[in-house]
Protein backbone atom coordinates (compact mmCIF):
# COMPACT_ATOMS: atom_id res chain seq x y z
CA MET A 1 -16.26 -4.97 -11.33
CA PRO A 2 -17.39 -8.35 -12.76
CA ARG A 3 -16.88 -11.10 -10.23
CA ASP A 4 -15.36 -13.40 -12.85
CA LEU A 5 -12.51 -10.86 -13.20
CA VAL A 6 -11.81 -11.17 -9.47
CA ARG A 7 -11.84 -14.95 -9.70
CA ARG A 8 -9.47 -14.94 -12.69
CA ALA A 9 -7.08 -12.62 -10.84
CA ALA A 10 -7.11 -14.94 -7.83
CA ARG A 11 -6.36 -17.97 -10.03
CA ARG A 12 -3.45 -16.19 -11.70
CA LEU A 13 -2.06 -15.21 -8.30
CA ARG A 14 -2.29 -18.78 -6.96
CA ARG A 15 -0.47 -20.12 -10.02
CA SER A 16 2.32 -17.55 -9.72
CA LEU A 17 2.79 -18.12 -5.99
CA THR A 18 3.51 -21.80 -6.49
CA ARG A 19 5.73 -21.29 -9.53
CA THR A 20 9.35 -22.52 -9.41
CA ALA A 21 12.16 -21.96 -11.86
CA PRO A 22 12.82 -24.80 -14.31
CA ALA A 23 15.59 -27.14 -13.28
CA THR A 24 18.84 -26.76 -15.19
CA GLY A 25 19.92 -30.31 -14.49
CA SER A 26 19.74 -33.11 -11.98
CA GLY A 27 22.29 -31.35 -9.81
CA SER A 28 20.44 -28.03 -9.65
CA ALA A 29 20.05 -26.65 -6.14
CA PRO A 30 16.45 -26.18 -5.07
CA LEU A 31 15.18 -22.64 -4.86
CA PRO A 32 14.93 -21.12 -1.37
CA VAL A 33 11.41 -21.21 0.03
CA VAL A 34 9.98 -17.90 1.23
CA GLY A 35 6.94 -18.18 3.47
CA TYR A 36 4.63 -15.35 4.36
CA VAL A 37 1.88 -14.86 6.92
CA VAL A 38 -0.80 -12.33 5.98
CA ALA A 39 -4.54 -11.92 6.38
CA GLY A 40 -6.78 -13.63 3.83
CA ALA A 41 -6.06 -16.49 1.47
CA HIS A 42 -6.16 -17.59 -2.18
CA GLY A 43 -5.41 -14.12 -3.52
CA ALA A 44 -8.06 -12.39 -1.39
CA HIS A 45 -6.07 -10.18 0.97
CA PRO A 46 -6.26 -6.67 2.44
CA ALA A 47 -4.72 -3.94 0.31
CA SER A 48 -1.73 -3.53 2.64
CA ALA A 49 -0.93 -7.25 2.35
CA HIS A 50 -1.02 -7.07 -1.45
CA VAL A 51 1.09 -3.91 -1.67
CA ARG A 52 3.74 -4.80 0.88
CA VAL A 53 3.92 -8.60 0.74
CA VAL A 54 1.90 -10.60 -1.77
CA ARG A 55 2.68 -8.68 -4.96
CA ARG A 56 6.36 -8.50 -3.99
CA THR A 57 6.67 -12.23 -3.31
CA GLU A 58 4.73 -13.00 -6.48
CA HIS A 59 7.42 -11.21 -8.45
CA LEU A 60 10.14 -13.17 -6.65
CA ALA A 61 8.44 -16.37 -7.78
CA ALA A 62 7.88 -15.12 -11.32
CA ALA A 63 11.58 -14.22 -11.60
CA GLY A 64 12.63 -17.70 -10.52
CA THR A 65 14.34 -16.31 -7.43
CA ALA A 66 12.39 -18.30 -4.85
CA THR A 67 9.48 -20.59 -4.26
CA VAL A 68 6.91 -18.72 -2.20
CA ARG A 69 3.91 -19.90 -0.25
CA GLN A 70 1.49 -18.62 2.33
CA VAL A 71 2.11 -20.12 5.77
CA ASP A 72 -0.53 -21.41 8.15
CA PRO A 73 0.81 -20.26 11.55
CA ALA A 74 -0.73 -23.18 13.46
CA GLY A 75 0.77 -25.74 11.09
CA PHE A 76 4.15 -24.02 11.29
CA VAL A 77 4.15 -24.13 15.09
CA ASP A 78 2.92 -27.72 15.55
CA GLY A 79 5.10 -29.10 12.73
CA THR A 80 2.27 -30.13 10.43
CA ASP A 81 3.92 -27.80 7.92
CA ASP A 82 7.47 -29.16 7.87
CA THR A 83 8.62 -27.14 4.85
CA THR A 84 12.25 -26.08 4.98
CA TYR A 85 11.74 -22.34 4.82
CA ALA A 86 14.68 -20.01 4.29
CA VAL A 87 12.68 -17.17 5.81
CA VAL A 88 9.14 -16.40 6.91
CA LEU A 89 7.72 -12.91 6.52
CA VAL A 90 5.00 -11.96 9.01
CA GLN A 91 2.88 -8.88 8.41
CA ARG A 92 2.11 -6.61 11.36
CA ASP A 93 -0.85 -7.89 13.47
CA ILE A 94 -1.80 -11.08 11.64
CA LEU A 95 -0.72 -13.20 14.66
CA PRO A 96 -2.82 -12.89 17.84
CA ARG A 97 -0.75 -11.69 20.78
CA ALA A 98 -0.76 -15.12 22.43
CA SER A 99 0.54 -16.76 19.23
CA VAL A 100 3.56 -14.51 18.65
CA GLY A 101 5.83 -16.18 21.23
CA PRO A 102 5.16 -19.77 20.11
CA PHE A 103 5.61 -18.78 16.46
CA LEU A 104 8.97 -17.11 17.13
CA ASP A 105 10.09 -20.06 19.27
CA ALA A 106 9.19 -22.52 16.51
CA ALA A 107 11.09 -20.46 13.95
CA HIS A 108 14.15 -20.33 16.18
CA ALA A 109 14.04 -24.08 16.80
CA ARG A 110 13.83 -24.75 13.06
CA GLY A 111 16.53 -22.23 12.15
CA VAL A 112 14.13 -20.08 10.15
CA ARG A 113 14.68 -16.31 9.97
CA VAL A 114 11.62 -14.20 10.77
CA VAL A 115 11.12 -10.89 9.00
CA ALA A 116 8.39 -8.64 10.39
CA GLU A 117 6.69 -6.09 8.13
CA VAL A 118 5.04 -2.93 9.43
CA ASP A 119 3.88 0.06 7.42
CA ASP A 120 2.44 2.41 10.03
CA ASP A 121 3.36 3.97 13.37
CA PHE A 122 1.96 1.39 15.78
CA PHE A 123 4.38 2.38 18.52
CA THR A 124 4.20 6.01 19.65
CA ALA A 125 1.48 7.12 22.05
CA SER A 126 -0.10 9.42 19.46
CA GLY A 127 0.03 6.68 16.83
CA ARG A 128 -1.69 4.19 19.12
CA GLU A 129 -4.34 6.74 20.02
CA ARG A 130 -5.13 7.41 16.37
CA LEU A 131 -5.28 3.70 15.53
CA ALA A 132 -7.56 3.09 18.51
CA ARG A 133 -10.00 5.58 16.98
CA ALA A 134 -9.94 3.41 13.85
CA GLU A 135 -10.92 0.37 15.96
CA TYR A 136 -7.50 -1.17 16.53
CA ASP A 137 -7.92 -3.01 19.84
CA PRO A 138 -5.09 -3.28 22.39
CA ASP A 139 -4.42 -6.94 21.55
CA ARG A 140 -3.64 -6.06 17.94
CA LEU A 141 -1.21 -3.35 18.99
CA ALA A 142 0.44 -5.63 21.57
CA SER A 143 0.83 -8.31 18.90
CA ILE A 144 2.71 -5.96 16.60
CA ASP A 145 4.96 -4.80 19.42
CA ALA A 146 5.86 -8.38 20.39
CA LEU A 147 6.52 -9.39 16.80
CA VAL A 148 8.78 -6.41 16.11
CA ARG A 149 10.78 -7.02 19.28
CA GLY A 150 11.27 -10.71 18.50
CA ALA A 151 11.84 -10.73 14.74
CA ASP A 152 15.32 -11.05 13.25
CA VAL A 153 14.66 -8.12 10.90
CA VAL A 154 11.88 -5.56 10.57
CA VAL A 155 11.15 -4.12 7.13
CA VAL A 156 9.38 -0.75 6.90
CA SER A 157 8.36 1.58 4.09
CA THR A 158 9.93 4.91 5.14
CA THR A 159 13.01 6.24 6.88
CA GLU A 160 10.79 8.12 9.34
CA LEU A 161 9.08 4.89 10.39
CA ALA A 162 12.47 3.21 10.66
CA GLU A 163 13.49 5.81 13.26
CA VAL A 164 10.36 5.01 15.28
CA VAL A 165 10.92 1.24 15.13
CA ARG A 166 14.71 1.13 15.54
CA PRO A 167 14.80 1.51 19.37
CA ILE A 168 12.82 -1.72 19.87
CA ALA A 169 13.94 -3.84 16.90
CA ARG A 170 17.10 -5.89 16.36
CA GLU A 171 17.52 -4.63 12.81
CA VAL A 172 15.44 -2.35 10.58
CA VAL A 173 15.55 -2.16 6.77
CA VAL A 174 13.69 0.37 4.63
CA VAL A 175 12.09 -0.89 1.42
CA ARG A 176 9.94 1.79 -0.17
CA ASN A 177 6.53 1.02 -1.57
CA ALA A 178 6.38 0.26 -5.26
CA LEU A 179 3.51 -0.47 -7.64
CA ASP A 180 2.91 -3.77 -9.38
CA PRO A 181 3.15 -3.07 -13.13
CA THR A 182 0.75 -5.88 -13.93
CA LEU A 183 -1.99 -4.01 -12.07
CA TRP A 184 -1.26 -0.38 -12.91
CA ALA A 185 -0.53 -0.62 -16.64
CA PRO A 186 -2.99 1.59 -18.57
CA GLY A 187 -5.66 -0.35 -20.38
CA LEU A 188 -8.91 0.46 -22.11
CA VAL A 189 -10.92 3.20 -20.41
CA VAL A 190 -14.47 2.40 -19.38
CA ASP A 191 -16.94 4.85 -20.92
CA THR A 192 -17.71 7.61 -18.41
CA GLY A 193 -20.29 9.38 -20.55
CA HIS A 194 -22.97 8.96 -17.89
CA LEU A 195 -21.10 11.25 -15.49
CA PRO A 196 -22.08 14.93 -15.18
CA ALA A 197 -20.37 16.99 -17.86
CA ASP A 198 -20.83 20.25 -15.98
CA GLU A 199 -18.30 19.47 -13.22
CA HIS A 200 -14.71 18.36 -12.65
CA ARG A 201 -13.98 15.56 -10.19
CA VAL A 202 -10.95 15.11 -7.91
CA LEU A 203 -10.13 11.82 -6.17
CA TYR A 204 -9.16 11.16 -2.56
CA MET A 205 -8.84 7.55 -1.42
CA GLY A 206 -7.64 5.94 1.78
CA THR A 207 -8.57 4.02 4.91
CA LEU A 208 -10.66 5.17 7.87
CA THR A 209 -7.47 6.22 9.67
CA HIS A 210 -7.48 9.26 7.34
CA ALA A 211 -10.86 10.65 8.42
CA ALA A 212 -9.17 13.53 10.28
CA ASP A 213 -7.01 14.30 7.23
CA LEU A 214 -10.14 14.56 5.11
CA GLU A 215 -11.31 17.50 7.20
CA LEU A 216 -8.33 19.51 5.93
CA LEU A 217 -10.08 19.63 2.57
CA ARG A 218 -13.41 21.09 3.72
CA ASP A 219 -12.41 24.71 3.13
CA VAL A 220 -10.57 23.71 -0.04
CA PHE A 221 -13.45 22.13 -1.92
CA THR A 222 -16.38 24.09 -0.55
CA ASP A 223 -17.64 26.13 -3.54
CA LEU A 224 -14.44 25.47 -5.48
CA VAL A 225 -14.65 26.44 -9.16
CA ALA A 226 -12.19 25.65 -11.96
CA SER A 227 -10.80 28.21 -14.38
CA ASP A 228 -13.46 27.28 -16.94
CA GLY A 229 -16.25 28.14 -14.48
CA ARG A 230 -17.26 24.55 -13.77
CA PRO A 231 -17.47 23.39 -10.12
CA VAL A 232 -14.79 21.07 -8.76
CA ARG A 233 -16.24 18.15 -6.82
CA LEU A 234 -14.23 16.01 -4.40
CA GLU A 235 -14.92 12.27 -4.67
CA VAL A 236 -13.89 10.02 -1.79
CA ILE A 237 -13.19 6.28 -1.82
CA GLY A 238 -12.92 4.85 1.68
CA VAL A 239 -11.71 7.42 4.26
CA ALA A 240 -15.22 8.23 5.57
CA GLU A 241 -18.36 6.20 6.16
CA ASP A 242 -20.87 9.00 5.62
CA ASP A 243 -21.62 11.47 2.84
CA ALA A 244 -21.25 15.22 3.28
CA ASP A 245 -22.44 18.27 1.39
CA TRP A 246 -18.89 19.13 0.28
CA TYR A 247 -17.76 15.74 -1.03
CA ARG A 248 -19.27 12.69 -2.71
CA ARG A 249 -18.52 9.12 -1.64
CA VAL A 250 -17.90 6.62 -4.44
CA GLU A 251 -18.80 2.99 -3.91
CA VAL A 252 -16.37 0.63 -5.59
CA PRO A 253 -17.57 -2.82 -6.76
CA ASP A 254 -16.64 -5.76 -4.56
CA GLY A 255 -13.17 -7.14 -5.02
CA HIS A 256 -9.77 -7.18 -3.37
CA TYR A 257 -6.82 -4.95 -4.16
CA PRO A 258 -5.96 -6.28 -7.64
CA ALA A 259 -9.55 -5.84 -8.79
CA PHE A 260 -9.73 -2.43 -7.09
CA ALA A 261 -6.55 -1.25 -8.83
CA ARG A 262 -7.83 -2.41 -12.20
CA TRP A 263 -11.16 -0.66 -11.55
CA LEU A 264 -9.30 2.58 -10.85
CA VAL A 265 -7.22 2.18 -14.01
CA ASP A 266 -10.31 1.46 -16.09
CA HIS A 267 -12.13 4.52 -14.71
CA ARG A 268 -9.17 6.89 -14.58
CA GLN A 269 -10.79 9.44 -16.89
CA ARG A 270 -13.47 10.01 -14.28
CA TRP A 271 -11.06 12.33 -12.41
CA ARG A 272 -8.90 15.33 -13.29
CA ALA A 273 -6.58 15.11 -10.26
CA GLY A 274 -5.88 13.26 -7.01
CA VAL A 275 -5.27 14.71 -3.54
CA ALA A 276 -3.54 13.37 -0.42
CA PRO A 277 -3.82 15.63 2.65
CA LEU A 278 -1.92 14.80 5.84
CA ARG A 279 -2.23 16.59 9.15
CA ASP A 280 1.00 17.60 10.84
CA GLU A 281 0.88 14.78 13.39
CA GLU A 282 3.44 12.31 14.65
CA PHE A 283 1.50 9.38 13.18
CA ASN A 284 1.49 10.93 9.71
CA ARG A 285 5.22 11.60 9.66
CA ALA A 286 5.83 7.88 9.18
CA LYS A 287 3.37 7.56 6.29
CA SER A 288 4.56 6.50 2.86
CA ASP A 289 3.96 8.22 -0.49
CA LEU A 290 1.82 5.39 -1.87
CA LYS A 291 -1.15 7.61 -2.76
CA ALA A 292 1.03 9.87 -4.85
CA LEU A 293 2.40 6.84 -6.69
CA GLU A 294 -1.08 5.53 -7.40
CA TYR A 295 -2.44 8.87 -8.61
CA VAL A 296 0.50 9.33 -10.95
CA ALA A 297 0.09 5.77 -12.23
CA LEU A 298 -3.51 6.70 -13.06
CA GLY A 299 -2.17 9.60 -15.13
CA LEU A 300 -3.50 12.18 -12.67
CA PRO A 301 -1.72 15.25 -11.33
CA ALA A 302 -1.24 14.71 -7.60
CA VAL A 303 -1.62 17.45 -4.98
CA VAL A 304 -0.32 16.45 -1.53
CA SER A 305 0.48 17.94 1.84
CA ASP A 306 3.97 19.33 2.24
CA ARG A 307 5.14 16.63 4.64
CA PRO A 308 8.26 14.43 4.85
CA SER A 309 6.19 11.55 3.41
CA TYR A 310 5.98 13.33 0.07
CA ALA A 311 9.38 15.04 -0.07
CA GLU A 312 10.76 12.70 -2.72
CA ALA A 313 7.54 12.84 -4.73
CA ALA A 314 7.66 16.63 -4.67
CA ALA A 315 11.22 16.55 -5.98
CA HIS A 316 9.92 14.65 -9.01
CA GLY A 317 6.95 16.81 -9.99
CA VAL A 318 4.18 16.04 -7.49
CA VAL A 319 2.75 19.28 -6.10
CA ALA A 320 3.27 19.63 -2.31
CA VAL A 321 1.20 22.32 -0.61
CA PRO A 322 1.52 23.93 2.85
CA ASP A 323 -1.34 24.02 5.35
CA ASP A 324 -3.18 26.95 3.83
CA PRO A 325 -6.64 26.56 2.23
CA SER A 326 -5.94 29.30 -0.32
CA ALA A 327 -2.74 27.58 -1.44
CA TRP A 328 -4.58 24.29 -1.68
CA ARG A 329 -7.42 25.81 -3.70
CA ALA A 330 -4.98 27.35 -6.15
CA ALA A 331 -3.01 24.10 -6.47
CA VAL A 332 -6.14 22.00 -7.03
CA VAL A 333 -7.47 24.40 -9.67
CA ALA A 334 -4.10 24.33 -11.46
CA ALA A 335 -4.07 20.52 -11.33
CA VAL A 336 -7.63 20.33 -12.68
CA ASP A 337 -6.69 22.71 -15.48
CA ARG A 338 -3.72 20.48 -16.37
CA GLY A 339 -5.60 17.20 -16.02
CA THR A 340 -2.60 14.92 -16.57
CA ALA A 341 0.30 13.78 -14.40
CA ASP A 342 3.54 15.72 -14.49
CA PRO A 343 5.90 14.00 -16.99
CA GLY A 344 8.73 13.98 -14.48
CA ALA A 345 6.52 12.33 -11.87
CA ALA A 346 5.33 9.74 -14.37
CA SER A 347 8.92 8.93 -15.35
CA TRP A 348 9.94 8.63 -11.69
CA VAL A 349 7.12 6.24 -10.80
CA ALA A 350 7.75 4.08 -13.86
CA GLY A 351 11.53 4.08 -13.53
CA GLU A 352 12.07 3.97 -9.76
CA ARG A 353 8.88 3.11 -7.91
CA THR A 354 7.54 0.15 -9.85
CA ILE A 355 8.32 -3.43 -8.85
CA GLY A 356 11.14 -4.58 -11.08
CA THR A 357 12.64 -1.10 -11.45
CA ASP A 358 12.98 -0.18 -7.77
CA GLY A 359 16.18 -2.00 -6.95
CA ASP A 360 16.83 -5.30 -5.20
CA GLY A 361 15.99 -4.34 -1.63
CA TRP A 362 13.11 -6.73 -1.15
CA ARG A 363 15.07 -9.79 -2.27
CA ARG A 364 18.05 -8.78 -0.15
CA VAL A 365 16.04 -8.34 3.05
CA LEU A 366 14.46 -11.78 2.60
CA LEU A 367 17.29 -13.83 1.13
CA GLY A 368 20.44 -11.83 1.83
């Protein structure tokens, strides 16, 4: 991905985040100010921050609903930042454990509502154990726990996660993940003529927390052959740090989530399908259906584990498969044969799971 594309995306994001609606007259009330605390700055953020916070608040600003800005926690606490915020959204473990209390105290003293955002099970024993294997240290987990207990509202991505969080939070609101249409709109396809023509490729992407889920696919893709006799090769983005003889790792050019999404869109013809396995574990039951949304937005048929996370997606045309390698092999071959997303799934993602078409939940949780 050309670095100038990443820089242009960051500039566009900075402009949109400081945008305000035009005044309608001298007596116009100022727009409410929404602050957010996430990792990174100037448009360069982790994927979770973009999906759950930054892209959402950008659309609030673009719609003229609010002025939004990233908050420096230290300046907020010591008063250097004296902005009159209506609400401040804090994402999961961005605050060190020792900073959570002072931040919440400062918000209370200033009359600012605090909304905490979490998108994974950071709370059950099995969830903490799995995150520890992915290098989450105890301080990070303690930070999230303290934030969730002290926030006025906690916003989560699934009803299953809401049930996990509800016993320790004052209030929990579910706002499902949705895709930013400015990132996932189909554009020109990059020429993939240099790729092997004697194979079909299937995509699996995710973070290192999904390394155990990847193993579910070993018996699925080992020696898998499509109906036309060509081998089916699994390609992995993220998920694992090492190559294996049954899958191929794909290195993506440098760039944060917007550039990564555009790279996927530009190279979507590289793959015939996308897969999203999930082990039947407590941690996974709180997972969202984001991967299914992204695969469908790429125009790919999605094959996923038959788990609560994907129940709604399955009702709209995404293929959900039980824990049986033979069933998975048959489903993947059928998806490769089809090569395009189910029309019902595509309509669902565009009409219900894209920012701007997914209801008003995000604005309501922030601004009432």
